[in-house]
Amino acid sequence: MAEDAAKVAADYFDAWKAKDFGTLRTLLAEDVEYQGPLARTDSADACLRALEGASAITTDLVVQKTFVAGADVLTWFALHTEIAPETPVANWMSVRNGKIARIRAVYDPRELIKEPSAAGE
């Protein structure tokens, strides 16, 4: 079971990095719950829309460490975007029946939501 959860998590990050939303959708349970500093969703379609939105500014995802405990996978990764310095993220997902059933993301969103300053300020 842990091997399955680890593979699902790896496939999730590979698909997100590749902006392969068709594959991402197949990895999400219909009732997947996502909770993070900037969004909360409770369905696969809503979660996918949030990932698509984040992907619009994402330039890279660098997985640095993955911890697996049964159906739970905790991934520490660096989020690289066009609008902010590298953002470290802890992503805890639970896999049920081969699909991602829950995602909890923890990161500091301040640089991601900061208003751009005018030139010369």
C-alpha atoms as a PDB file:
ATOM      1  CA  MET A   1       0.000   0.000   0.000  1.00  0.00           C
ATOM      2  CA  ALA A   2       2.812   2.443   0.832  1.00  0.00           C
ATOM      3  CA  GLU A   3       4.375   1.762  -2.571  1.00  0.00           C
ATOM      4  CA  ASP A   4       1.059   2.598  -4.249  1.00  0.00           C
ATOM      5  CA  ALA A   5       0.709   5.849  -2.276  1.00  0.00           C
ATOM      6  CA  ALA A   6       4.297   6.825  -3.085  1.00  0.00           C
ATOM      7  CA  LYS A   7       3.699   6.169  -6.805  1.00  0.00           C
ATOM      8  CA  VAL A   8       0.470   8.176  -6.826  1.00  0.00           C
ATOM      9  CA  ALA A   9       2.264  11.082  -5.124  1.00  0.00           C
ATOM     10  CA  ALA A  10       5.195  10.913  -7.566  1.00  0.00           C
ATOM     11  CA  ASP A  11       2.788  10.777 -10.517  1.00  0.00           C
ATOM     12  CA  TYR A  12       0.918  13.808  -9.100  1.00  0.00           C
ATOM     13  CA  PHE A  13       4.059  15.919  -8.923  1.00  0.00           C
ATOM     14  CA  ASP A  14       5.280  14.744 -12.341  1.00  0.00           C
ATOM     15  CA  ALA A  15       1.920  15.627 -13.923  1.00  0.00           C
ATOM     16  CA  TRP A  16       1.713  18.988 -12.130  1.00  0.00           C
ATOM     17  CA  LYS A  17       5.245  19.883 -13.211  1.00  0.00           C
ATOM     18  CA  ALA A  18       4.426  18.901 -16.806  1.00  0.00           C
ATOM     19  CA  LYS A  19       1.086  20.795 -16.630  1.00  0.00           C
ATOM     20  CA  ASP A  20      -0.583  17.537 -17.657  1.00  0.00           C
ATOM     21  CA  PHE A  21      -4.032  18.274 -16.270  1.00  0.00           C
ATOM     22  CA  GLY A  22      -5.624  15.189 -17.833  1.00  0.00           C
ATOM     23  CA  THR A  23      -3.313  12.929 -15.842  1.00  0.00           C
ATOM     24  CA  LEU A  24      -3.723  15.071 -12.724  1.00  0.00           C
ATOM     25  CA  ARG A  25      -7.497  14.664 -12.925  1.00  0.00           C
ATOM     26  CA  THR A  26      -7.205  10.857 -13.064  1.00  0.00           C
ATOM     27  CA  LEU A  27      -5.197  10.873  -9.813  1.00  0.00           C
ATOM     28  CA  LEU A  28      -7.824  12.763  -7.801  1.00  0.00           C
ATOM     29  CA  ALA A  29     -10.727  11.110  -5.993  1.00  0.00           C
ATOM     30  CA  GLU A  30     -14.059  12.714  -6.902  1.00  0.00           C
ATOM     31  CA  ASP A  31     -14.423  14.077  -3.369  1.00  0.00           C
ATOM     32  CA  VAL A  32     -10.774  15.065  -2.842  1.00  0.00           C
ATOM     33  CA  GLU A  33     -10.359  17.739  -0.191  1.00  0.00           C
ATOM     34  CA  TYR A  34      -7.631  20.323  -0.584  1.00  0.00           C
ATOM     35  CA  GLN A  35      -6.696  22.768   2.145  1.00  0.00           C
ATOM     36  CA  GLY A  36      -3.916  25.320   1.946  1.00  0.00           C
ATOM     37  CA  PRO A  37      -3.202  28.960   2.772  1.00  0.00           C
ATOM     38  CA  LEU A  38      -4.767  30.293  -0.444  1.00  0.00           C
ATOM     39  CA  ALA A  39      -7.544  27.815  -1.245  1.00  0.00           C
ATOM     40  CA  ARG A  40      -9.909  25.162   0.044  1.00  0.00           C
ATOM     41  CA  THR A  41     -11.683  22.773  -2.298  1.00  0.00           C
ATOM     42  CA  ASP A  42     -13.879  19.717  -1.871  1.00  0.00           C
ATOM     43  CA  SER A  43     -14.064  18.119  -5.307  1.00  0.00           C
ATOM     44  CA  ALA A  44     -11.729  16.870  -8.010  1.00  0.00           C
ATOM     45  CA  ASP A  45     -12.858  19.522 -10.486  1.00  0.00           C
ATOM     46  CA  ALA A  46     -12.369  22.369  -7.995  1.00  0.00           C
ATOM     47  CA  CYS A  47      -8.966  21.019  -6.971  1.00  0.00           C
ATOM     48  CA  LEU A  48      -7.941  20.726 -10.614  1.00  0.00           C
ATOM     49  CA  ARG A  49      -9.014  24.336 -11.291  1.00  0.00           C
ATOM     50  CA  ALA A  50      -6.853  25.465  -8.359  1.00  0.00           C
ATOM     51  CA  LEU A  51      -3.878  23.493  -9.706  1.00  0.00           C
ATOM     52  CA  GLU A  52      -4.399  24.968 -13.167  1.00  0.00           C
ATOM     53  CA  GLY A  53      -4.452  28.457 -11.659  1.00  0.00           C
ATOM     54  CA  ALA A  54      -1.257  27.822  -9.713  1.00  0.00           C
ATOM     55  CA  SER A  55       0.379  26.338 -12.806  1.00  0.00           C
ATOM     56  CA  ALA A  56      -0.115  29.595 -14.698  1.00  0.00           C
ATOM     57  CA  ILE A  57       2.656  31.190 -12.602  1.00  0.00           C
ATOM     58  CA  THR A  58       4.664  28.048 -11.755  1.00  0.00           C
ATOM     59  CA  THR A  59       8.035  27.696 -13.459  1.00  0.00           C
ATOM     60  CA  ASP A  60       9.265  24.599 -11.602  1.00  0.00           C
ATOM     61  CA  LEU A  61       8.547  22.178  -8.776  1.00  0.00           C
ATOM     62  CA  VAL A  62      11.567  20.589  -7.142  1.00  0.00           C
ATOM     63  CA  VAL A  63      10.771  17.670  -4.846  1.00  0.00           C
ATOM     64  CA  GLN A  64      13.393  17.596  -2.118  1.00  0.00           C
ATOM     65  CA  LYS A  65      12.151  14.842   0.207  1.00  0.00           C
ATOM     66  CA  THR A  66       9.262  12.396   0.387  1.00  0.00           C
ATOM     67  CA  PHE A  67       8.108  10.551   3.502  1.00  0.00           C
ATOM     68  CA  VAL A  68       5.638   7.660   3.199  1.00  0.00           C
ATOM     69  CA  ALA A  69       3.582   6.110   6.002  1.00  0.00           C
ATOM     70  CA  GLY A  70       0.967   3.700   4.702  1.00  0.00           C
ATOM     71  CA  ALA A  71      -1.563   5.684   2.668  1.00  0.00           C
ATOM     72  CA  ASP A  72      -0.061   9.038   3.682  1.00  0.00           C
ATOM     73  CA  VAL A  73       2.690  10.811   1.764  1.00  0.00           C
ATOM     74  CA  LEU A  74       4.417  13.962   2.944  1.00  0.00           C
ATOM     75  CA  THR A  75       6.399  15.757   0.255  1.00  0.00           C
ATOM     76  CA  TRP A  76       8.706  18.684   0.915  1.00  0.00           C
ATOM     77  CA  PHE A  77       9.240  20.640  -2.289  1.00  0.00           C
ATOM     78  CA  ALA A  78      10.365  23.999  -3.611  1.00  0.00           C
ATOM     79  CA  LEU A  79       7.777  25.920  -5.622  1.00  0.00           C
ATOM     80  CA  HIS A  80       9.318  28.219  -8.207  1.00  0.00           C
ATOM     81  CA  THR A  81       7.106  30.915  -9.701  1.00  0.00           C
ATOM     82  CA  GLU A  82       7.321  33.940 -11.957  1.00  0.00           C
ATOM     83  CA  ILE A  83       6.168  36.238  -9.157  1.00  0.00           C
ATOM     84  CA  ALA A  84       8.002  35.259  -5.969  1.00  0.00           C
ATOM     85  CA  PRO A  85      11.229  33.809  -4.630  1.00  0.00           C
ATOM     86  CA  GLU A  86      11.402  30.047  -4.161  1.00  0.00           C
ATOM     87  CA  THR A  87       8.663  28.968  -1.765  1.00  0.00           C
ATOM     88  CA  PRO A  88       9.202  25.876   0.422  1.00  0.00           C
ATOM     89  CA  VAL A  89       6.061  23.740   0.694  1.00  0.00           C
ATOM     90  CA  ALA A  90       5.045  20.782   2.859  1.00  0.00           C
ATOM     91  CA  ASN A  91       2.361  18.767   1.053  1.00  0.00           C
ATOM     92  CA  TRP A  92       0.587  15.969   2.941  1.00  0.00           C
ATOM     93  CA  MET A  93      -1.659  13.763   0.869  1.00  0.00           C
ATOM     94  CA  SER A  94      -3.726  10.720   1.728  1.00  0.00           C
ATOM     95  CA  VAL A  95      -4.369   8.082  -0.902  1.00  0.00           C
ATOM     96  CA  ARG A  96      -7.498   5.939  -0.886  1.00  0.00           C
ATOM     97  CA  ASN A  97      -8.201   3.219  -3.467  1.00  0.00           C
ATOM     98  CA  GLY A  98      -5.342   4.463  -5.638  1.00  0.00           C
ATOM     99  CA  LYS A  99      -6.621   8.063  -5.738  1.00  0.00           C
ATOM    100  CA  ILE A 100      -5.687  11.180  -3.803  1.00  0.00           C
ATOM    101  CA  ALA A 101      -8.430  11.723  -1.234  1.00  0.00           C
ATOM    102  CA  ARG A 102      -6.958  14.602   0.755  1.00  0.00           C
ATOM    103  CA  ILE A 103      -4.229  17.200   0.341  1.00  0.00           C
ATOM    104  CA  ARG A 104      -2.976  19.572   3.015  1.00  0.00           C
ATOM    105  CA  ALA A 105      -0.389  22.130   1.914  1.00  0.00           C
ATOM    106  CA  VAL A 106       1.559  24.341   4.280  1.00  0.00           C
ATOM    107  CA  TYR A 107       3.642  27.273   3.068  1.00  0.00           C
ATOM    108  CA  ASP A 108       4.115  30.987   3.634  1.00  0.00           C
ATOM    109  CA  PRO A 109       1.986  32.709   0.960  1.00  0.00           C
ATOM    110  CA  ARG A 110       3.089  36.303   1.657  1.00  0.00           C
ATOM    111  CA  GLU A 111       5.458  36.624  -1.303  1.00  0.00           C
ATOM    112  CA  LEU A 112       2.944  34.962  -3.627  1.00  0.00           C
ATOM    113  CA  ILE A 113       0.179  37.442  -2.824  1.00  0.00           C
ATOM    114  CA  LYS A 114       2.295  40.559  -2.360  1.00  0.00           C
ATOM    115  CA  GLU A 115       1.340  43.489  -4.562  1.00  0.00           C
ATOM    116  CA  PRO A 116       4.081  44.332  -7.042  1.00  0.00           C
ATOM    117  CA  SER A 117       5.749  47.620  -6.209  1.00  0.00           C
ATOM    118  CA  ALA A 118       6.079  50.425  -8.715  1.00  0.00           C
ATOM    119  CA  ALA A 119       9.481  50.768 -10.381  1.00  0.00           C
ATOM    120  CA  GLY A 120      11.884  52.873  -8.374  1.00  0.00           C
ATOM    121  CA  GLU A 121      10.135  52.453  -5.020  1.00  0.00           C
END
